[in-house]
Amino acid sequence: GYNFYIQFKLQDELINGVYWRSWRKFPFAMAPGSLPFYEAVKHTPIIAMYKPSVAAEYVGGKKVTWKNVRVEGHILNVSKNRRTEENLKENAFIEVYDSCPNVIKSLTKKANEKYHFSIHRTPEFYKWRYDSYPLAKVKYLILKEDNIPKGYFVTLNNNKMIFISDFFCISTEHFLILLQNCLHLCSTLKLGSLGIETSLYELSERIKKNYNSKEYEFSNIYAFNEGFSKMKHMFKEINSKWPELAFHETQASGDVLLR
């Protein structure tokens, strides 16, 4: 069983978790994957699956109760979305980096504070996961107004497309400015498409309304191991609050990156 360990932020606590791959790659290989899966359940506080097969939700029986987060994906055709670069205010500009700049630290702090449950976003996380990633090239786009960071994209690109692998913006308007400039970057690099995955409904609807894109959707699933006595109360609370929570799921919320 392949797995990818990651740190989650739940309320104000940092908790270790694992994204489990087996039932996405081998949807009907129930028996071979069971033993390592139950070992992971036993030893890991949070178990997650990114884009799992339908069969995955039935794995675990009474031992595992899965919670779903719906994610919408968009693939934008660059040639069908040719528009002038989004106008920036006189006090605004965009910086592009080939490695993670520490300037995004203030924004990752805001992202971690905003969402009750999410992956833990830090410059160190991006440097570890993206800056040394060998299968695609990373670029960071930072939007500033009055020299204050208002949003960022973490992107990966190959010879076909750019994928916005993770992001955080103060407002929808800041997001759309970065998105338009990211399309402009696609044109500059002669790439044909731009991809993004998000669980933020408002952003997804704005993309559908303003751009020519292909849509798809899936659910990420999570389980909280109440066998960890120190976290039992927290896990019971998040299970009860789940339907009312907002989530910030992106491609970074999983074990697969663009290649």
C-alpha atoms as a PDB file:
ATOM      1  CA  GLY A   1       0.000   0.000   0.000  1.00  0.00           C
ATOM      2  CA  TYR A   2       1.451   3.325  -1.105  1.00  0.00           C
ATOM      3  CA  ASN A   3       0.926   6.237   1.267  1.00  0.00           C
ATOM      4  CA  PHE A   4       1.919   9.867   1.622  1.00  0.00           C
ATOM      5  CA  TYR A   5       2.360  11.366   5.079  1.00  0.00           C
ATOM      6  CA  ILE A   6       1.393  14.969   5.691  1.00  0.00           C
ATOM      7  CA  GLN A   7       0.571  17.306   8.564  1.00  0.00           C
ATOM      8  CA  PHE A   8      -2.957  18.610   9.071  1.00  0.00           C
ATOM      9  CA  LYS A   9      -4.174  21.609  11.006  1.00  0.00           C
ATOM     10  CA  LEU A  10      -7.294  20.910  13.078  1.00  0.00           C
ATOM     11  CA  GLN A  11      -8.477  23.939  15.063  1.00  0.00           C
ATOM     12  CA  ASP A  12      -5.159  25.099  16.533  1.00  0.00           C
ATOM     13  CA  GLU A  13      -3.538  21.659  16.685  1.00  0.00           C
ATOM     14  CA  LEU A  14      -1.074  20.102  14.233  1.00  0.00           C
ATOM     15  CA  ILE A  15      -1.806  16.416  13.650  1.00  0.00           C
ATOM     16  CA  ASN A  16      -0.033  13.806  11.545  1.00  0.00           C
ATOM     17  CA  GLY A  17      -2.030  12.107   8.814  1.00  0.00           C
ATOM     18  CA  VAL A  18      -1.656   9.957   5.729  1.00  0.00           C
ATOM     19  CA  TYR A  19      -3.119  10.034   2.203  1.00  0.00           C
ATOM     20  CA  TRP A  20      -3.792   6.426   1.271  1.00  0.00           C
ATOM     21  CA  ARG A  21      -3.563   5.521  -2.410  1.00  0.00           C
ATOM     22  CA  SER A  22      -4.384   1.815  -2.789  1.00  0.00           C
ATOM     23  CA  TRP A  23      -8.093   2.054  -3.604  1.00  0.00           C
ATOM     24  CA  ARG A  24      -7.564   4.654  -6.277  1.00  0.00           C
ATOM     25  CA  LYS A  25      -4.886   2.718  -8.125  1.00  0.00           C
ATOM     26  CA  PHE A  26      -6.298  -0.785  -7.497  1.00  0.00           C
ATOM     27  CA  PRO A  27     -10.027  -0.268  -6.899  1.00  0.00           C
ATOM     28  CA  PHE A  28     -10.924  -3.957  -6.549  1.00  0.00           C
ATOM     29  CA  ALA A  29      -7.789  -5.235  -4.808  1.00  0.00           C
ATOM     30  CA  MET A  30      -9.552  -5.305  -1.471  1.00  0.00           C
ATOM     31  CA  ALA A  31      -7.765  -8.204   0.215  1.00  0.00           C
ATOM     32  CA  PRO A  32      -4.130  -7.349  -0.679  1.00  0.00           C
ATOM     33  CA  GLY A  33      -4.536  -3.816   0.589  1.00  0.00           C
ATOM     34  CA  SER A  34      -6.415  -4.541   3.806  1.00  0.00           C
ATOM     35  CA  LEU A  35      -3.555  -5.410   6.148  1.00  0.00           C
ATOM     36  CA  PRO A  36      -1.367  -2.320   5.505  1.00  0.00           C
ATOM     37  CA  PHE A  37      -4.492  -0.159   5.491  1.00  0.00           C
ATOM     38  CA  TYR A  38      -5.555  -1.336   8.959  1.00  0.00           C
ATOM     39  CA  GLU A  39      -2.004  -0.846  10.203  1.00  0.00           C
ATOM     40  CA  ALA A  40      -2.182   2.745   8.970  1.00  0.00           C
ATOM     41  CA  VAL A  41      -5.563   3.196  10.669  1.00  0.00           C
ATOM     42  CA  LYS A  42      -4.127   1.821  13.891  1.00  0.00           C
ATOM     43  CA  HIS A  43      -1.072   4.080  13.997  1.00  0.00           C
ATOM     44  CA  THR A  44      -2.210   7.281  12.241  1.00  0.00           C
ATOM     45  CA  PRO A  45      -4.637   9.860  13.703  1.00  0.00           C
ATOM     46  CA  ILE A  46      -6.021  11.002  10.324  1.00  0.00           C
ATOM     47  CA  ILE A  47      -6.506   8.809   7.237  1.00  0.00           C
ATOM     48  CA  ALA A  48      -7.350  10.450   3.899  1.00  0.00           C
ATOM     49  CA  MET A  49      -7.862   9.435   0.283  1.00  0.00           C
ATOM     50  CA  TYR A  50      -7.524  11.750  -2.733  1.00  0.00           C
ATOM     51  CA  LYS A  51      -9.756  10.901  -5.715  1.00  0.00           C
ATOM     52  CA  PRO A  52     -10.587   7.431  -4.351  1.00  0.00           C
ATOM     53  CA  SER A  53     -12.494   4.824  -6.300  1.00  0.00           C
ATOM     54  CA  VAL A  54     -16.105   4.170  -5.313  1.00  0.00           C
ATOM     55  CA  ALA A  55     -14.956   0.935  -3.668  1.00  0.00           C
ATOM     56  CA  ALA A  56     -12.760   2.853  -1.217  1.00  0.00           C
ATOM     57  CA  GLU A  57     -15.650   4.187   0.841  1.00  0.00           C
ATOM     58  CA  TYR A  58     -16.655   0.633   1.741  1.00  0.00           C
ATOM     59  CA  VAL A  59     -13.202  -0.234   3.047  1.00  0.00           C
ATOM     60  CA  GLY A  60     -12.998  -0.480   6.814  1.00  0.00           C
ATOM     61  CA  GLY A  61     -16.581  -1.340   7.721  1.00  0.00           C
ATOM     62  CA  LYS A  62     -17.364  -0.232  11.269  1.00  0.00           C
ATOM     63  CA  LYS A  63     -13.728   0.643  11.959  1.00  0.00           C
ATOM     64  CA  VAL A  64     -13.686   3.640   9.625  1.00  0.00           C
ATOM     65  CA  THR A  65     -16.322   6.332   9.110  1.00  0.00           C
ATOM     66  CA  TRP A  66     -15.511   8.412   6.055  1.00  0.00           C
ATOM     67  CA  LYS A  67     -16.263  12.127   5.693  1.00  0.00           C
ATOM     68  CA  ASN A  68     -16.523  13.553   2.168  1.00  0.00           C
ATOM     69  CA  VAL A  69     -15.313  16.848   0.695  1.00  0.00           C
ATOM     70  CA  ARG A  70     -16.499  17.615  -2.842  1.00  0.00           C
ATOM     71  CA  VAL A  71     -13.853  19.057  -5.148  1.00  0.00           C
ATOM     72  CA  GLU A  72     -14.389  20.571  -8.609  1.00  0.00           C
ATOM     73  CA  GLY A  73     -11.672  20.520 -11.246  1.00  0.00           C
ATOM     74  CA  HIS A  74     -11.334  22.886 -14.206  1.00  0.00           C
ATOM     75  CA  ILE A  75      -9.158  22.635 -17.307  1.00  0.00           C
ATOM     76  CA  LEU A  76      -8.989  25.946 -19.197  1.00  0.00           C
ATOM     77  CA  ASN A  77      -7.993  25.986 -22.860  1.00  0.00           C
ATOM     78  CA  VAL A  78      -5.545  28.874 -23.208  1.00  0.00           C
ATOM     79  CA  SER A  79      -6.350  29.627 -26.865  1.00  0.00           C
ATOM     80  CA  LYS A  80     -10.086  29.856 -26.081  1.00  0.00           C
ATOM     81  CA  ASN A  81      -9.489  32.182 -23.145  1.00  0.00           C
ATOM     82  CA  ARG A  82      -7.232  34.745 -24.789  1.00  0.00           C
ATOM     83  CA  ARG A  83      -7.901  38.038 -23.090  1.00  0.00           C
ATOM     84  CA  THR A  84      -5.694  40.925 -22.200  1.00  0.00           C
ATOM     85  CA  GLU A  85      -3.795  40.596 -18.974  1.00  0.00           C
ATOM     86  CA  GLU A  86      -6.035  41.584 -16.071  1.00  0.00           C
ATOM     87  CA  ASN A  87      -5.417  45.204 -15.264  1.00  0.00           C
ATOM     88  CA  LEU A  88      -3.637  45.750 -11.968  1.00  0.00           C
ATOM     89  CA  LYS A  89      -4.239  48.781  -9.802  1.00  0.00           C
ATOM     90  CA  GLU A  90      -1.463  51.335  -9.758  1.00  0.00           C
ATOM     91  CA  ASN A  91      -0.475  50.163  -6.284  1.00  0.00           C
ATOM     92  CA  ALA A  92      -0.415  46.450  -7.270  1.00  0.00           C
ATOM     93  CA  PHE A  93       2.027  44.113  -8.974  1.00  0.00           C
ATOM     94  CA  ILE A  94       2.759  40.400  -9.392  1.00  0.00           C
ATOM     95  CA  GLU A  95       6.065  38.709  -8.602  1.00  0.00           C
ATOM     96  CA  VAL A  96       7.076  35.336 -10.071  1.00  0.00           C
ATOM     97  CA  TYR A  97       9.565  33.036  -8.325  1.00  0.00           C
ATOM     98  CA  ASP A  98      11.162  29.693  -9.203  1.00  0.00           C
ATOM     99  CA  SER A  99      11.355  28.664  -5.541  1.00  0.00           C
ATOM    100  CA  CYS A 100       9.212  29.394  -2.519  1.00  0.00           C
ATOM    101  CA  PRO A 101       9.651  32.965  -1.252  1.00  0.00           C
ATOM    102  CA  ASN A 102       9.345  33.571   2.475  1.00  0.00           C
ATOM    103  CA  VAL A 103       7.089  36.525   1.659  1.00  0.00           C
ATOM    104  CA  ILE A 104       4.110  34.142   1.453  1.00  0.00           C
ATOM    105  CA  LYS A 105       4.442  33.297   5.149  1.00  0.00           C
ATOM    106  CA  SER A 106       1.866  35.931   6.142  1.00  0.00           C
ATOM    107  CA  LEU A 107      -0.646  34.415   3.701  1.00  0.00           C
ATOM    108  CA  THR A 108      -0.078  30.803   4.759  1.00  0.00           C
ATOM    109  CA  LYS A 109      -0.669  31.950   8.345  1.00  0.00           C
ATOM    110  CA  LYS A 110      -4.005  33.488   7.296  1.00  0.00           C
ATOM    111  CA  ALA A 111      -4.960  30.306   5.392  1.00  0.00           C
ATOM    112  CA  ASN A 112      -4.222  28.142   8.434  1.00  0.00           C
ATOM    113  CA  GLU A 113      -6.297  30.441  10.642  1.00  0.00           C
ATOM    114  CA  LYS A 114      -9.260  30.610   8.271  1.00  0.00           C
ATOM    115  CA  TYR A 115     -10.076  26.911   7.889  1.00  0.00           C
ATOM    116  CA  HIS A 116     -11.094  24.645  10.758  1.00  0.00           C
ATOM    117  CA  PHE A 117      -9.511  21.616   9.085  1.00  0.00           C
ATOM    118  CA  SER A 118      -6.962  21.587   6.270  1.00  0.00           C
ATOM    119  CA  ILE A 119      -3.465  20.578   5.303  1.00  0.00           C
ATOM    120  CA  HIS A 120      -0.938  22.719   7.180  1.00  0.00           C
ATOM    121  CA  ARG A 121       0.386  25.331   4.746  1.00  0.00           C
ATOM    122  CA  THR A 122       3.842  26.798   5.389  1.00  0.00           C
ATOM    123  CA  PRO A 123       6.799  27.971   3.259  1.00  0.00           C
ATOM    124  CA  GLU A 124       8.717  24.981   4.636  1.00  0.00           C
ATOM    125  CA  PHE A 125       6.013  22.622   3.336  1.00  0.00           C
ATOM    126  CA  TYR A 126       6.209  24.147  -0.148  1.00  0.00           C
ATOM    127  CA  LYS A 127      10.006  24.076  -0.179  1.00  0.00           C
ATOM    128  CA  TRP A 128       9.941  20.395   0.808  1.00  0.00           C
ATOM    129  CA  ARG A 129       7.187  19.235  -1.518  1.00  0.00           C
ATOM    130  CA  TYR A 130       7.514  21.485  -4.570  1.00  0.00           C
ATOM    131  CA  ASP A 131      10.936  23.077  -4.861  1.00  0.00           C
ATOM    132  CA  SER A 132      12.719  19.728  -5.214  1.00  0.00           C
ATOM    133  CA  TYR A 133       9.929  17.980  -7.143  1.00  0.00           C
ATOM    134  CA  PRO A 134      11.636  16.364 -10.174  1.00  0.00           C
ATOM    135  CA  LEU A 135       8.690  15.721 -12.527  1.00  0.00           C
ATOM    136  CA  ALA A 136       7.508  19.283 -13.243  1.00  0.00           C
ATOM    137  CA  LYS A 137       8.737  22.857 -12.925  1.00  0.00           C
ATOM    138  CA  VAL A 138       7.456  25.009 -10.083  1.00  0.00           C
ATOM    139  CA  LYS A 139       6.583  28.701 -10.214  1.00  0.00           C
ATOM    140  CA  TYR A 140       5.132  30.879  -7.473  1.00  0.00           C
ATOM    141  CA  LEU A 141       2.966  33.886  -8.360  1.00  0.00           C
ATOM    142  CA  ILE A 142       2.566  36.477  -5.601  1.00  0.00           C
ATOM    143  CA  LEU A 143       0.065  39.346  -5.862  1.00  0.00           C
ATOM    144  CA  LYS A 144       0.900  42.436  -3.801  1.00  0.00           C
ATOM    145  CA  GLU A 145      -0.976  45.683  -3.165  1.00  0.00           C
ATOM    146  CA  ASP A 146       0.865  48.523  -1.444  1.00  0.00           C
ATOM    147  CA  ASN A 147       3.664  45.976  -1.067  1.00  0.00           C
ATOM    148  CA  ILE A 148       1.389  43.749   1.065  1.00  0.00           C
ATOM    149  CA  PRO A 149       0.833  40.146  -0.163  1.00  0.00           C
ATOM    150  CA  LYS A 150      -2.825  39.581  -1.099  1.00  0.00           C
ATOM    151  CA  GLY A 151      -2.646  36.164  -2.751  1.00  0.00           C
ATOM    152  CA  TYR A 152      -0.403  33.476  -4.142  1.00  0.00           C
ATOM    153  CA  PHE A 153      -0.452  30.552  -6.566  1.00  0.00           C
ATOM    154  CA  VAL A 154       1.862  27.545  -6.353  1.00  0.00           C
ATOM    155  CA  THR A 155       1.991  26.206  -9.923  1.00  0.00           C
ATOM    156  CA  LEU A 156       3.565  23.239 -11.665  1.00  0.00           C
ATOM    157  CA  ASN A 157       4.149  23.068 -15.403  1.00  0.00           C
ATOM    158  CA  ASN A 158       5.241  20.420 -17.888  1.00  0.00           C
ATOM    159  CA  ASN A 159       5.443  20.715 -21.673  1.00  0.00           C
ATOM    160  CA  LYS A 160       1.631  20.830 -22.014  1.00  0.00           C
ATOM    161  CA  MET A 161       0.050  22.769 -19.181  1.00  0.00           C
ATOM    162  CA  ILE A 162       0.272  24.743 -15.959  1.00  0.00           C
ATOM    163  CA  PHE A 163      -1.566  23.364 -12.926  1.00  0.00           C
ATOM    164  CA  ILE A 164      -2.389  25.628  -9.984  1.00  0.00           C
ATOM    165  CA  SER A 165      -1.436  23.074  -7.385  1.00  0.00           C
ATOM    166  CA  ASP A 166      -2.164  25.209  -4.334  1.00  0.00           C
ATOM    167  CA  PHE A 167      -3.243  28.780  -3.628  1.00  0.00           C
ATOM    168  CA  PHE A 168      -4.646  31.214  -1.130  1.00  0.00           C
ATOM    169  CA  CYS A 169      -6.111  34.663  -1.779  1.00  0.00           C
ATOM    170  CA  ILE A 170      -7.589  37.303   0.506  1.00  0.00           C
ATOM    171  CA  SER A 171     -10.588  37.763  -1.824  1.00  0.00           C
ATOM    172  CA  THR A 172     -12.211  36.329  -4.947  1.00  0.00           C
ATOM    173  CA  GLU A 173     -11.136  39.419  -6.879  1.00  0.00           C
ATOM    174  CA  HIS A 174      -7.483  38.835  -5.983  1.00  0.00           C
ATOM    175  CA  PHE A 175      -7.872  35.210  -7.075  1.00  0.00           C
ATOM    176  CA  LEU A 176      -9.281  36.209 -10.475  1.00  0.00           C
ATOM    177  CA  ILE A 177      -6.446  38.685 -11.065  1.00  0.00           C
ATOM    178  CA  LEU A 178      -3.902  35.952 -10.362  1.00  0.00           C
ATOM    179  CA  LEU A 179      -5.817  33.478 -12.536  1.00  0.00           C
ATOM    180  CA  GLN A 180      -5.825  35.822 -15.524  1.00  0.00           C
ATOM    181  CA  ASN A 181      -2.121  36.512 -15.117  1.00  0.00           C
ATOM    182  CA  CYS A 182      -1.482  32.785 -14.837  1.00  0.00           C
ATOM    183  CA  LEU A 183      -3.222  32.330 -18.195  1.00  0.00           C
ATOM    184  CA  HIS A 184      -0.941  35.033 -19.557  1.00  0.00           C
ATOM    185  CA  LEU A 185       2.027  33.048 -18.221  1.00  0.00           C
ATOM    186  CA  CYS A 186       0.709  29.966 -20.079  1.00  0.00           C
ATOM    187  CA  SER A 187       0.754  31.970 -23.312  1.00  0.00           C
ATOM    188  CA  THR A 188       4.271  33.213 -22.629  1.00  0.00           C
ATOM    189  CA  LEU A 189       5.489  29.647 -22.028  1.00  0.00           C
ATOM    190  CA  LYS A 190       3.475  28.379 -25.058  1.00  0.00           C
ATOM    191  CA  LEU A 191       1.435  25.957 -22.960  1.00  0.00           C
ATOM    192  CA  GLY A 192      -2.016  24.888 -24.127  1.00  0.00           C
ATOM    193  CA  SER A 193      -4.018  24.586 -20.928  1.00  0.00           C
ATOM    194  CA  LEU A 194      -4.337  25.558 -17.287  1.00  0.00           C
ATOM    195  CA  GLY A 195      -5.753  23.336 -14.555  1.00  0.00           C
ATOM    196  CA  ILE A 196      -7.038  23.888 -11.044  1.00  0.00           C
ATOM    197  CA  GLU A 197      -8.921  21.886  -8.401  1.00  0.00           C
ATOM    198  CA  THR A 198     -10.853  23.566  -5.598  1.00  0.00           C
ATOM    199  CA  SER A 199     -13.527  22.885  -2.997  1.00  0.00           C
ATOM    200  CA  LEU A 200     -14.328  26.605  -2.743  1.00  0.00           C
ATOM    201  CA  TYR A 201     -17.738  26.831  -4.402  1.00  0.00           C
ATOM    202  CA  GLU A 202     -17.684  30.594  -5.095  1.00  0.00           C
ATOM    203  CA  LEU A 203     -14.355  30.419  -6.936  1.00  0.00           C
ATOM    204  CA  SER A 204     -15.505  27.427  -8.934  1.00  0.00           C
ATOM    205  CA  GLU A 205     -18.667  29.215 -10.038  1.00  0.00           C
ATOM    206  CA  ARG A 206     -16.718  32.311 -11.086  1.00  0.00           C
ATOM    207  CA  ILE A 207     -14.425  30.150 -13.217  1.00  0.00           C
ATOM    208  CA  LYS A 208     -17.432  28.522 -14.898  1.00  0.00           C
ATOM    209  CA  LYS A 209     -19.035  31.913 -15.521  1.00  0.00           C
ATOM    210  CA  ASN A 210     -15.979  33.743 -16.855  1.00  0.00           C
ATOM    211  CA  TYR A 211     -13.948  31.099 -18.671  1.00  0.00           C
ATOM    212  CA  ASN A 212     -14.250  28.396 -21.295  1.00  0.00           C
ATOM    213  CA  SER A 213     -13.317  25.262 -19.376  1.00  0.00           C
ATOM    214  CA  LYS A 214     -13.900  21.545 -18.978  1.00  0.00           C
ATOM    215  CA  GLU A 215     -15.207  20.557 -15.558  1.00  0.00           C
ATOM    216  CA  TYR A 216     -14.934  17.397 -13.511  1.00  0.00           C
ATOM    217  CA  GLU A 217     -15.606  16.592  -9.879  1.00  0.00           C
ATOM    218  CA  PHE A 218     -14.652  14.065  -7.235  1.00  0.00           C
ATOM    219  CA  SER A 219     -14.619  13.677  -3.452  1.00  0.00           C
ATOM    220  CA  ASN A 220     -11.676  13.495  -1.101  1.00  0.00           C
ATOM    221  CA  ILE A 221     -12.503  11.388   1.945  1.00  0.00           C
ATOM    222  CA  TYR A 222     -11.244  11.596   5.533  1.00  0.00           C
ATOM    223  CA  ALA A 223     -11.453   9.489   8.669  1.00  0.00           C
ATOM    224  CA  PHE A 224     -10.470  10.489  12.218  1.00  0.00           C
ATOM    225  CA  ASN A 225      -9.070   7.814  14.509  1.00  0.00           C
ATOM    226  CA  GLU A 226     -10.758   8.222  17.887  1.00  0.00           C
ATOM    227  CA  GLY A 227      -8.445   5.538  19.252  1.00  0.00           C
ATOM    228  CA  PHE A 228      -5.976   8.353  19.971  1.00  0.00           C
ATOM    229  CA  SER A 229      -7.266   9.303  23.412  1.00  0.00           C
ATOM    230  CA  LYS A 230      -5.731  12.809  23.481  1.00  0.00           C
ATOM    231  CA  MET A 231      -7.581  13.694  20.275  1.00  0.00           C
ATOM    232  CA  LYS A 232     -10.812  11.800  20.856  1.00  0.00           C
ATOM    233  CA  HIS A 233     -12.780  14.891  21.906  1.00  0.00           C
ATOM    234  CA  MET A 234     -11.503  16.913  18.927  1.00  0.00           C
ATOM    235  CA  PHE A 235     -12.348  14.130  16.479  1.00  0.00           C
ATOM    236  CA  LYS A 236     -15.868  13.726  17.857  1.00  0.00           C
ATOM    237  CA  GLU A 237     -16.371  17.481  17.554  1.00  0.00           C
ATOM    238  CA  ILE A 238     -15.205  17.725  13.935  1.00  0.00           C
ATOM    239  CA  ASN A 239     -17.341  14.731  12.949  1.00  0.00           C
ATOM    240  CA  SER A 240     -20.403  16.529  14.328  1.00  0.00           C
ATOM    241  CA  LYS A 241     -19.466  19.889  12.726  1.00  0.00           C
ATOM    242  CA  TRP A 242     -18.489  18.467   9.326  1.00  0.00           C
ATOM    243  CA  PRO A 243     -21.635  19.436   7.330  1.00  0.00           C
ATOM    244  CA  GLU A 244     -21.270  23.128   8.223  1.00  0.00           C
ATOM    245  CA  LEU A 245     -17.526  23.513   7.645  1.00  0.00           C
ATOM    246  CA  ALA A 246     -15.810  25.229   4.693  1.00  0.00           C
ATOM    247  CA  PHE A 247     -12.829  23.382   3.201  1.00  0.00           C
ATOM    248  CA  HIS A 248      -9.837  24.498   1.155  1.00  0.00           C
ATOM    249  CA  GLU A 249      -8.965  21.394  -0.884  1.00  0.00           C
ATOM    250  CA  THR A 250      -6.565  21.686  -3.816  1.00  0.00           C
ATOM    251  CA  GLN A 251      -4.198  19.387  -5.681  1.00  0.00           C
ATOM    252  CA  ALA A 252      -1.896  19.788  -2.664  1.00  0.00           C
ATOM    253  CA  SER A 253      -4.580  17.999  -0.607  1.00  0.00           C
ATOM    254  CA  GLY A 254      -3.463  14.602  -1.796  1.00  0.00           C
ATOM    255  CA  ASP A 255      -0.551  12.468  -2.870  1.00  0.00           C
ATOM    256  CA  VAL A 256      -0.467  13.224  -6.642  1.00  0.00           C
ATOM    257  CA  LEU A 257       1.160  16.207  -8.366  1.00  0.00           C
ATOM    258  CA  LEU A 258       1.414  17.129 -12.052  1.00  0.00           C
ATOM    259  CA  ARG A 259       3.987  15.064 -13.941  1.00  0.00           C
END
